[in-house]
Amino acid sequence: MYKLLATIIILLFAQAAHAEWTSVNKVDDFTDKQVRYAAFSDADHRIQLSHEGKAVWMFITRKKIGTFEPNGLIEMRVDKNETMVVDPEKSKRLAELLGKPTFQWEPATVGFLLWHGSEEEGCGYVGQLLQGQELKVRYQTNSLERDTFSANLAGAKQSIINGLGLTKCGQ
């Protein structure tokens, strides 16, 4: 009995240790452009925060079987802050007004505009990620079902600062 309990505890710690934030800062081999991003990964999901132009995008990838609902809502909440809702339909209308994309969908990945990227105008949602302890995400997998996961933000601050090349936010 003790061996089984010890094995379960070790496996849980190993899985928790696997789920962490990292940052990437490299030069692309084919374009010679600087590539920077911060990423969180666990057994079922991956989150990537990256600059696309001047704006910051969030990409969420589902690793397990199933897909994102193409027009399904994505809800995010850092700690007890207000829930941020990403509505693909509203994002499409905003994209028409702005003349540039604000939402991308693939069966296993969604990407959306998270923050304007100008530190002089405030840190926006990235500021919540830098100060928070936990990010919770809920999304639709079809018109009737949702999936939820959370990402521990403890230790994420430096990875996000490095991955996005921030000079004011989080300092």
N, C-alpha and C. Protein backbone atom coordinates (compact mmCIF):
# COMPACT_ATOMS: atom_id res chain seq x y z
N MET A 1 0.81 -1.19 0.00
CA MET A 1 0.00 0.00 0.00
C MET A 1 0.86 1.26 0.00
N TYR A 2 1.91 1.25 0.85
CA TYR A 2 2.80 2.40 0.92
C TYR A 2 3.55 2.61 -0.39
N LYS A 3 3.92 1.52 -1.03
CA LYS A 3 4.63 1.62 -2.31
C LYS A 3 3.73 2.24 -3.37
N LEU A 4 2.47 1.86 -3.39
CA LEU A 4 1.52 2.43 -4.35
C LEU A 4 1.33 3.92 -4.10
N LEU A 5 1.17 4.31 -2.86
CA LEU A 5 1.00 5.71 -2.50
C LEU A 5 2.25 6.50 -2.87
N ALA A 6 3.42 5.97 -2.58
CA ALA A 6 4.68 6.64 -2.91
C ALA A 6 4.82 6.79 -4.41
N THR A 7 4.45 5.78 -5.17
CA THR A 7 4.53 5.84 -6.63
C THR A 7 3.60 6.92 -7.17
N ILE A 8 2.38 7.00 -6.65
CA ILE A 8 1.43 8.02 -7.11
C ILE A 8 1.95 9.42 -6.81
N ILE A 9 2.50 9.63 -5.62
CA ILE A 9 3.05 10.93 -5.26
C ILE A 9 4.21 11.31 -6.17
N ILE A 10 5.10 10.39 -6.44
CA ILE A 10 6.23 10.65 -7.34
C ILE A 10 5.74 11.01 -8.73
N LEU A 11 4.75 10.29 -9.23
CA LEU A 11 4.22 10.60 -10.56
C LEU A 11 3.57 11.97 -10.61
N LEU A 12 2.86 12.35 -9.57
CA LEU A 12 2.23 13.67 -9.53
C LEU A 12 3.28 14.77 -9.50
N PHE A 13 4.32 14.60 -8.72
CA PHE A 13 5.39 15.59 -8.68
C PHE A 13 6.12 15.66 -10.02
N ALA A 14 6.32 14.54 -10.66
CA ALA A 14 6.99 14.53 -11.96
C ALA A 14 6.16 15.27 -13.00
N GLN A 15 4.85 15.06 -12.97
CA GLN A 15 3.99 15.76 -13.92
C GLN A 15 3.98 17.25 -13.63
N ALA A 16 3.93 17.65 -12.36
CA ALA A 16 3.93 19.06 -11.99
C ALA A 16 5.26 19.70 -12.39
N ALA A 17 6.34 18.97 -12.24
CA ALA A 17 7.64 19.51 -12.62
C ALA A 17 7.75 19.69 -14.13
N HIS A 18 7.05 18.86 -14.88
CA HIS A 18 7.08 18.96 -16.34
C HIS A 18 6.34 20.19 -16.84
N ALA A 19 5.34 20.65 -16.09
CA ALA A 19 4.54 21.79 -16.49
C ALA A 19 5.21 23.07 -16.00
N GLU A 20 5.86 23.78 -16.90
CA GLU A 20 6.54 25.00 -16.50
C GLU A 20 6.64 25.96 -17.67
N TRP A 21 7.00 27.17 -17.36
CA TRP A 21 7.16 28.22 -18.37
C TRP A 21 8.62 28.30 -18.80
N THR A 22 8.82 28.54 -20.08
CA THR A 22 10.15 28.73 -20.63
C THR A 22 10.11 29.91 -21.60
N SER A 23 11.27 30.40 -21.93
CA SER A 23 11.34 31.45 -22.95
C SER A 23 12.33 31.03 -24.02
N VAL A 24 12.07 31.52 -25.22
CA VAL A 24 12.94 31.23 -26.37
C VAL A 24 13.37 32.57 -26.96
N ASN A 25 14.64 32.67 -27.26
CA ASN A 25 15.20 33.85 -27.90
C ASN A 25 16.29 33.36 -28.84
N LYS A 26 15.94 33.29 -30.14
CA LYS A 26 16.89 32.75 -31.11
C LYS A 26 16.71 33.44 -32.46
N VAL A 27 17.60 33.13 -33.38
CA VAL A 27 17.51 33.64 -34.74
C VAL A 27 17.02 32.51 -35.63
N ASP A 28 15.98 32.79 -36.43
CA ASP A 28 15.43 31.79 -37.34
C ASP A 28 16.47 31.44 -38.40
N ASP A 29 16.68 30.15 -38.63
CA ASP A 29 17.69 29.68 -39.58
C ASP A 29 17.40 30.07 -41.02
N PHE A 30 16.15 30.30 -41.37
CA PHE A 30 15.80 30.57 -42.76
C PHE A 30 15.54 32.04 -43.04
N THR A 31 15.03 32.78 -42.06
CA THR A 31 14.71 34.19 -42.29
C THR A 31 15.72 35.13 -41.67
N ASP A 32 16.57 34.61 -40.79
CA ASP A 32 17.55 35.40 -40.03
C ASP A 32 16.89 36.46 -39.16
N LYS A 33 15.61 36.28 -38.84
CA LYS A 33 14.90 37.21 -37.96
C LYS A 33 14.91 36.68 -36.54
N GLN A 34 14.86 37.61 -35.59
CA GLN A 34 14.82 37.26 -34.18
C GLN A 34 13.47 36.62 -33.85
N VAL A 35 13.49 35.50 -33.15
CA VAL A 35 12.28 34.80 -32.72
C VAL A 35 12.29 34.77 -31.20
N ARG A 36 11.23 35.34 -30.59
CA ARG A 36 11.13 35.36 -29.13
C ARG A 36 9.72 34.97 -28.74
N TYR A 37 9.61 34.14 -27.72
CA TYR A 37 8.30 33.84 -27.17
C TYR A 37 8.46 33.18 -25.81
N ALA A 38 7.36 33.19 -25.06
CA ALA A 38 7.28 32.49 -23.78
C ALA A 38 6.27 31.37 -23.97
N ALA A 39 6.52 30.23 -23.34
CA ALA A 39 5.62 29.09 -23.51
C ALA A 39 5.44 28.32 -22.22
N PHE A 40 4.23 27.80 -22.05
CA PHE A 40 3.88 26.90 -20.96
C PHE A 40 3.44 25.60 -21.61
N SER A 41 3.84 24.48 -21.01
CA SER A 41 3.44 23.20 -21.57
C SER A 41 3.21 22.20 -20.45
N ASP A 42 2.11 21.46 -20.57
CA ASP A 42 1.88 20.32 -19.69
C ASP A 42 1.46 19.15 -20.56
N ALA A 43 0.96 18.11 -19.99
CA ALA A 43 0.64 16.90 -20.75
C ALA A 43 -0.49 17.11 -21.76
N ASP A 44 -1.41 18.04 -21.49
CA ASP A 44 -2.59 18.19 -22.34
C ASP A 44 -2.67 19.48 -23.15
N HIS A 45 -1.93 20.53 -22.75
CA HIS A 45 -2.04 21.84 -23.41
C HIS A 45 -0.69 22.53 -23.52
N ARG A 46 -0.64 23.47 -24.44
CA ARG A 46 0.53 24.33 -24.59
C ARG A 46 0.03 25.75 -24.81
N ILE A 47 0.65 26.71 -24.13
CA ILE A 47 0.34 28.12 -24.32
C ILE A 47 1.60 28.79 -24.82
N GLN A 48 1.47 29.65 -25.82
CA GLN A 48 2.61 30.42 -26.30
C GLN A 48 2.21 31.88 -26.38
N LEU A 49 3.04 32.75 -25.84
CA LEU A 49 2.88 34.19 -25.93
C LEU A 49 3.99 34.70 -26.83
N SER A 50 3.62 35.37 -27.92
CA SER A 50 4.65 35.84 -28.84
C SER A 50 4.23 37.12 -29.54
N HIS A 51 5.26 37.88 -29.93
CA HIS A 51 5.02 39.08 -30.72
C HIS A 51 4.75 38.67 -32.16
N GLU A 52 3.68 39.17 -32.70
CA GLU A 52 3.39 39.02 -34.12
C GLU A 52 3.27 40.46 -34.60
N GLY A 53 4.34 40.97 -35.23
CA GLY A 53 4.41 42.40 -35.49
C GLY A 53 4.69 43.07 -34.16
N LYS A 54 3.93 44.12 -33.84
CA LYS A 54 4.12 44.79 -32.56
C LYS A 54 3.21 44.24 -31.48
N ALA A 55 2.14 43.57 -31.86
CA ALA A 55 1.16 43.07 -30.91
C ALA A 55 1.58 41.71 -30.34
N VAL A 56 1.01 41.40 -29.17
CA VAL A 56 1.28 40.11 -28.54
C VAL A 56 0.06 39.21 -28.74
N TRP A 57 0.34 38.00 -29.21
CA TRP A 57 -0.67 36.99 -29.43
C TRP A 57 -0.52 35.87 -28.42
N MET A 58 -1.64 35.23 -28.11
CA MET A 58 -1.62 34.02 -27.30
C MET A 58 -2.10 32.87 -28.19
N PHE A 59 -1.34 31.80 -28.20
CA PHE A 59 -1.72 30.59 -28.93
C PHE A 59 -1.93 29.49 -27.90
N ILE A 60 -3.06 28.80 -27.99
CA ILE A 60 -3.35 27.68 -27.10
C ILE A 60 -3.48 26.44 -27.97
N THR A 61 -2.69 25.44 -27.65
CA THR A 61 -2.71 24.19 -28.40
C THR A 61 -3.23 23.09 -27.50
N ARG A 62 -4.13 22.32 -28.04
CA ARG A 62 -4.72 21.16 -27.34
C ARG A 62 -3.92 19.94 -27.79
N LYS A 63 -3.26 19.24 -26.86
CA LYS A 63 -2.44 18.08 -27.19
C LYS A 63 -3.25 16.78 -27.21
N LYS A 64 -4.35 16.77 -26.49
CA LYS A 64 -5.13 15.54 -26.41
C LYS A 64 -6.11 15.44 -27.57
N ILE A 65 -6.77 14.32 -27.70
CA ILE A 65 -7.71 14.08 -28.80
C ILE A 65 -8.87 15.05 -28.69
N GLY A 66 -9.33 15.55 -29.82
CA GLY A 66 -10.43 16.51 -29.86
C GLY A 66 -9.96 17.82 -30.44
N THR A 67 -10.91 18.71 -30.68
CA THR A 67 -10.59 19.98 -31.31
C THR A 67 -11.25 21.14 -30.57
N PHE A 68 -10.83 22.34 -30.93
CA PHE A 68 -11.50 23.55 -30.47
C PHE A 68 -12.73 23.78 -31.36
N GLU A 69 -13.81 24.23 -30.77
CA GLU A 69 -14.98 24.64 -31.55
C GLU A 69 -14.58 25.89 -32.33
N PRO A 70 -14.77 25.91 -33.66
CA PRO A 70 -14.31 27.05 -34.47
C PRO A 70 -14.85 28.40 -34.02
N ASN A 71 -16.10 28.46 -33.58
CA ASN A 71 -16.69 29.72 -33.14
C ASN A 71 -16.96 29.73 -31.65
N GLY A 72 -16.31 28.84 -30.91
CA GLY A 72 -16.54 28.73 -29.47
C GLY A 72 -15.80 29.79 -28.67
N LEU A 73 -16.41 30.19 -27.58
CA LEU A 73 -15.81 31.18 -26.69
C LEU A 73 -14.60 30.60 -25.97
N ILE A 74 -13.63 31.46 -25.70
CA ILE A 74 -12.47 31.11 -24.89
C ILE A 74 -12.49 32.06 -23.70
N GLU A 75 -12.48 31.50 -22.50
CA GLU A 75 -12.51 32.32 -21.30
C GLU A 75 -11.21 32.12 -20.54
N MET A 76 -10.66 33.24 -20.04
CA MET A 76 -9.42 33.19 -19.29
C MET A 76 -9.55 34.05 -18.05
N ARG A 77 -8.96 33.56 -16.97
CA ARG A 77 -9.01 34.32 -15.72
C ARG A 77 -7.71 34.12 -14.96
N VAL A 78 -7.09 35.22 -14.59
CA VAL A 78 -5.90 35.19 -13.75
C VAL A 78 -6.35 35.46 -12.32
N ASP A 79 -6.07 34.52 -11.45
CA ASP A 79 -6.44 34.61 -10.03
C ASP A 79 -7.92 34.97 -9.90
N LYS A 80 -8.24 36.01 -9.18
CA LYS A 80 -9.64 36.42 -8.99
C LYS A 80 -10.00 37.66 -9.83
N ASN A 81 -9.18 37.96 -10.83
CA ASN A 81 -9.46 39.10 -11.70
C ASN A 81 -10.67 38.80 -12.58
N GLU A 82 -11.13 39.82 -13.28
CA GLU A 82 -12.27 39.67 -14.18
C GLU A 82 -11.93 38.69 -15.30
N THR A 83 -12.92 37.90 -15.71
CA THR A 83 -12.72 36.93 -16.78
C THR A 83 -12.63 37.64 -18.12
N MET A 84 -11.63 37.30 -18.89
CA MET A 84 -11.48 37.81 -20.25
C MET A 84 -12.12 36.78 -21.18
N VAL A 85 -13.00 37.25 -22.07
CA VAL A 85 -13.69 36.36 -23.00
C VAL A 85 -13.24 36.70 -24.42
N VAL A 86 -12.77 35.69 -25.13
CA VAL A 86 -12.41 35.84 -26.55
C VAL A 86 -13.55 35.22 -27.35
N ASP A 87 -14.20 36.04 -28.14
CA ASP A 87 -15.33 35.62 -28.97
C ASP A 87 -14.88 35.65 -30.43
N PRO A 88 -14.73 34.51 -31.07
CA PRO A 88 -14.25 34.47 -32.46
C PRO A 88 -15.09 35.31 -33.42
N GLU A 89 -16.39 35.35 -33.21
CA GLU A 89 -17.26 36.14 -34.10
C GLU A 89 -16.95 37.63 -33.97
N LYS A 90 -16.81 38.12 -32.75
CA LYS A 90 -16.46 39.53 -32.52
C LYS A 90 -15.06 39.81 -33.04
N SER A 91 -14.16 38.86 -32.87
CA SER A 91 -12.79 39.03 -33.36
C SER A 91 -12.76 39.18 -34.88
N LYS A 92 -13.61 38.44 -35.58
CA LYS A 92 -13.67 38.55 -37.04
C LYS A 92 -14.14 39.94 -37.47
N ARG A 93 -15.13 40.48 -36.76
CA ARG A 93 -15.62 41.83 -37.07
C ARG A 93 -14.55 42.87 -36.77
N LEU A 94 -13.84 42.69 -35.66
CA LEU A 94 -12.76 43.61 -35.31
C LEU A 94 -11.65 43.56 -36.36
N ALA A 95 -11.36 42.37 -36.85
CA ALA A 95 -10.32 42.21 -37.88
C ALA A 95 -10.70 42.98 -39.15
N GLU A 96 -11.97 42.96 -39.51
CA GLU A 96 -12.42 43.72 -40.69
C GLU A 96 -12.22 45.21 -40.48
N LEU A 97 -12.50 45.70 -39.28
CA LEU A 97 -12.32 47.13 -38.99
C LEU A 97 -10.85 47.53 -38.98
N LEU A 98 -10.01 46.66 -38.38
CA LEU A 98 -8.59 46.96 -38.27
C LEU A 98 -7.81 46.68 -39.55
N GLY A 99 -8.35 45.81 -40.38
CA GLY A 99 -7.65 45.43 -41.60
C GLY A 99 -6.51 44.46 -41.36
N LYS A 100 -6.55 43.76 -40.22
CA LYS A 100 -5.53 42.74 -39.92
C LYS A 100 -6.17 41.68 -39.03
N PRO A 101 -5.65 40.46 -39.06
CA PRO A 101 -6.26 39.38 -38.28
C PRO A 101 -6.14 39.61 -36.78
N THR A 102 -7.15 39.14 -36.05
CA THR A 102 -7.14 39.20 -34.59
C THR A 102 -7.45 37.84 -33.97
N PHE A 103 -7.75 36.84 -34.82
CA PHE A 103 -8.08 35.50 -34.33
C PHE A 103 -7.70 34.49 -35.41
N GLN A 104 -7.12 33.37 -34.98
CA GLN A 104 -6.79 32.28 -35.90
C GLN A 104 -7.29 30.98 -35.30
N TRP A 105 -7.85 30.12 -36.15
CA TRP A 105 -8.35 28.83 -35.68
C TRP A 105 -7.79 27.72 -36.54
N GLU A 106 -7.33 26.68 -35.88
CA GLU A 106 -7.01 25.40 -36.48
C GLU A 106 -7.63 24.37 -35.54
N PRO A 107 -7.86 23.15 -35.97
CA PRO A 107 -8.54 22.19 -35.10
C PRO A 107 -7.90 22.03 -33.71
N ALA A 108 -6.59 22.02 -33.63
CA ALA A 108 -5.93 21.79 -32.34
C ALA A 108 -5.32 23.05 -31.74
N THR A 109 -5.39 24.19 -32.44
CA THR A 109 -4.77 25.43 -31.95
C THR A 109 -5.65 26.63 -32.25
N VAL A 110 -5.75 27.52 -31.26
CA VAL A 110 -6.37 28.82 -31.49
C VAL A 110 -5.34 29.88 -31.13
N GLY A 111 -5.39 30.98 -31.84
CA GLY A 111 -4.52 32.11 -31.57
C GLY A 111 -5.34 33.37 -31.59
N PHE A 112 -5.03 34.31 -30.72
CA PHE A 112 -5.80 35.55 -30.68
C PHE A 112 -4.93 36.68 -30.16
N LEU A 113 -5.31 37.87 -30.58
CA LEU A 113 -4.64 39.09 -30.14
C LEU A 113 -4.88 39.26 -28.66
N LEU A 114 -3.82 39.35 -27.88
CA LEU A 114 -3.93 39.43 -26.42
C LEU A 114 -3.68 40.85 -25.91
N TRP A 115 -2.73 41.54 -26.54
CA TRP A 115 -2.30 42.84 -26.03
C TRP A 115 -1.69 43.63 -27.18
N HIS A 116 -1.89 44.94 -27.17
CA HIS A 116 -1.37 45.80 -28.25
C HIS A 116 0.14 45.82 -28.31
N GLY A 117 0.82 45.51 -27.22
CA GLY A 117 2.27 45.38 -27.22
C GLY A 117 3.04 46.64 -26.92
N SER A 118 2.36 47.76 -26.70
CA SER A 118 3.04 49.02 -26.41
C SER A 118 3.14 49.21 -24.90
N GLU A 119 4.34 49.04 -24.37
CA GLU A 119 4.53 49.17 -22.93
C GLU A 119 4.26 50.59 -22.43
N GLU A 120 4.42 51.58 -23.31
CA GLU A 120 4.16 52.96 -22.93
C GLU A 120 2.68 53.21 -22.66
N GLU A 121 1.81 52.35 -23.20
CA GLU A 121 0.36 52.52 -23.03
C GLU A 121 -0.20 51.57 -21.98
N GLY A 122 0.63 50.90 -21.24
CA GLY A 122 0.18 49.99 -20.19
C GLY A 122 0.46 48.54 -20.56
N CYS A 123 0.38 47.68 -19.56
CA CYS A 123 0.76 46.29 -19.75
C CYS A 123 -0.40 45.36 -20.08
N GLY A 124 -1.63 45.87 -19.98
CA GLY A 124 -2.80 45.08 -20.36
C GLY A 124 -2.86 43.73 -19.68
N TYR A 125 -3.36 42.73 -20.41
CA TYR A 125 -3.53 41.39 -19.84
C TYR A 125 -2.20 40.74 -19.50
N VAL A 126 -1.14 41.13 -20.20
CA VAL A 126 0.19 40.60 -19.89
C VAL A 126 0.58 40.99 -18.46
N GLY A 127 0.16 42.19 -18.03
CA GLY A 127 0.43 42.62 -16.66
C GLY A 127 -0.19 41.69 -15.64
N GLN A 128 -1.41 41.23 -15.93
CA GLN A 128 -2.05 40.26 -15.02
C GLN A 128 -1.26 38.96 -14.98
N LEU A 129 -0.80 38.50 -16.13
CA LEU A 129 -0.01 37.26 -16.17
C LEU A 129 1.29 37.41 -15.38
N LEU A 130 1.90 38.58 -15.46
CA LEU A 130 3.16 38.82 -14.75
C LEU A 130 2.97 38.86 -13.24
N GLN A 131 1.83 39.33 -12.78
CA GLN A 131 1.58 39.49 -11.35
C GLN A 131 0.81 38.32 -10.73
N GLY A 132 0.19 37.49 -11.56
CA GLY A 132 -0.70 36.46 -11.05
C GLY A 132 -0.01 35.19 -10.58
N GLN A 133 -0.82 34.33 -9.98
CA GLN A 133 -0.36 33.04 -9.48
C GLN A 133 -0.88 31.87 -10.32
N GLU A 134 -2.08 32.07 -10.95
CA GLU A 134 -2.68 30.98 -11.72
C GLU A 134 -3.53 31.55 -12.86
N LEU A 135 -3.38 30.96 -14.02
CA LEU A 135 -4.21 31.27 -15.18
C LEU A 135 -5.15 30.10 -15.41
N LYS A 136 -6.44 30.37 -15.45
CA LYS A 136 -7.42 29.34 -15.76
C LYS A 136 -7.98 29.63 -17.14
N VAL A 137 -8.14 28.57 -17.94
CA VAL A 137 -8.65 28.70 -19.31
C VAL A 137 -9.79 27.71 -19.49
N ARG A 138 -10.87 28.19 -20.10
CA ARG A 138 -12.00 27.31 -20.44
C ARG A 138 -12.37 27.61 -21.89
N TYR A 139 -12.59 26.55 -22.67
CA TYR A 139 -12.92 26.70 -24.08
C TYR A 139 -13.92 25.63 -24.50
N GLN A 140 -14.60 25.89 -25.59
CA GLN A 140 -15.58 24.95 -26.10
C GLN A 140 -14.92 23.95 -27.04
N THR A 141 -15.30 22.68 -26.90
CA THR A 141 -14.82 21.64 -27.81
C THR A 141 -15.90 21.31 -28.84
N ASN A 142 -17.13 21.64 -28.53
CA ASN A 142 -18.25 21.59 -29.48
C ASN A 142 -19.33 22.48 -28.90
N SER A 143 -20.49 22.50 -29.52
CA SER A 143 -21.51 23.45 -29.06
C SER A 143 -22.06 23.12 -27.68
N LEU A 144 -21.83 21.93 -27.17
CA LEU A 144 -22.38 21.54 -25.87
C LEU A 144 -21.34 21.29 -24.78
N GLU A 145 -20.08 21.11 -25.16
CA GLU A 145 -19.06 20.72 -24.17
C GLU A 145 -17.93 21.74 -24.09
N ARG A 146 -17.34 21.79 -22.89
CA ARG A 146 -16.20 22.66 -22.63
C ARG A 146 -15.09 21.86 -21.98
N ASP A 147 -13.89 22.38 -22.10
CA ASP A 147 -12.74 21.82 -21.41
C ASP A 147 -12.09 22.96 -20.63
N THR A 148 -11.49 22.63 -19.51
CA THR A 148 -10.85 23.62 -18.64
C THR A 148 -9.47 23.12 -18.25
N PHE A 149 -8.54 24.05 -18.16
CA PHE A 149 -7.22 23.72 -17.61
C PHE A 149 -6.65 24.95 -16.94
N SER A 150 -5.61 24.75 -16.17
CA SER A 150 -4.96 25.88 -15.52
C SER A 150 -3.45 25.79 -15.70
N ALA A 151 -2.84 26.95 -15.66
CA ALA A 151 -1.39 27.06 -15.79
C ALA A 151 -0.87 27.81 -14.57
N ASN A 152 0.06 27.22 -13.88
CA ASN A 152 0.67 27.86 -12.73
C ASN A 152 1.56 29.00 -13.23
N LEU A 153 1.35 30.19 -12.69
CA LEU A 153 2.13 31.35 -13.10
C LEU A 153 3.32 31.62 -12.18
N ALA A 154 3.45 30.84 -11.11
CA ALA A 154 4.61 30.99 -10.23
C ALA A 154 5.85 30.66 -11.04
N GLY A 155 6.78 31.57 -11.10
CA GLY A 155 7.99 31.35 -11.89
C GLY A 155 7.85 31.72 -13.35
N ALA A 156 6.67 32.20 -13.77
CA ALA A 156 6.46 32.55 -15.18
C ALA A 156 6.95 33.95 -15.52
N LYS A 157 7.04 34.81 -14.53
CA LYS A 157 7.33 36.22 -14.77
C LYS A 157 8.59 36.43 -15.63
N GLN A 158 9.69 35.85 -15.24
CA GLN A 158 10.94 36.08 -15.97
C GLN A 158 10.88 35.47 -17.37
N SER A 159 10.23 34.33 -17.52
CA SER A 159 10.09 33.73 -18.86
C SER A 159 9.26 34.62 -19.78
N ILE A 160 8.19 35.22 -19.24
CA ILE A 160 7.35 36.10 -20.06
C ILE A 160 8.11 37.38 -20.40
N ILE A 161 8.81 37.96 -19.44
CA ILE A 161 9.60 39.17 -19.71
C ILE A 161 10.64 38.88 -20.79
N ASN A 162 11.39 37.77 -20.65
CA ASN A 162 12.42 37.43 -21.64
C ASN A 162 11.81 37.06 -22.98
N GLY A 163 10.75 36.27 -22.96
CA GLY A 163 10.14 35.81 -24.20
C GLY A 163 9.51 36.90 -25.02
N LEU A 164 8.99 37.94 -24.35
CA LEU A 164 8.38 39.05 -25.08
C LEU A 164 9.31 40.25 -25.21
N GLY A 165 10.49 40.17 -24.61
CA GLY A 165 11.44 41.27 -24.70
C GLY A 165 10.94 42.53 -24.00
N LEU A 166 10.27 42.37 -22.86
CA LEU A 166 9.70 43.51 -22.14
C LEU A 166 10.79 44.29 -21.42
N THR A 167 10.65 45.63 -21.43
CA THR A 167 11.61 46.47 -20.75
C THR A 167 10.98 47.26 -19.60
N LYS A 168 9.65 47.43 -19.61
CA LYS A 168 8.97 48.18 -18.54
C LYS A 168 8.00 47.31 -17.76
N CYS A 169 7.20 46.56 -18.43
CA CYS A 169 6.21 45.71 -17.76
C CYS A 169 6.92 44.62 -16.97
N GLY A 170 6.53 44.47 -15.72
CA GLY A 170 7.11 43.43 -14.88
C GLY A 170 8.41 43.81 -14.22
N GLN A 171 8.93 44.98 -14.51
CA GLN A 171 10.21 45.40 -13.92
C GLN A 171 10.01 46.05 -12.58
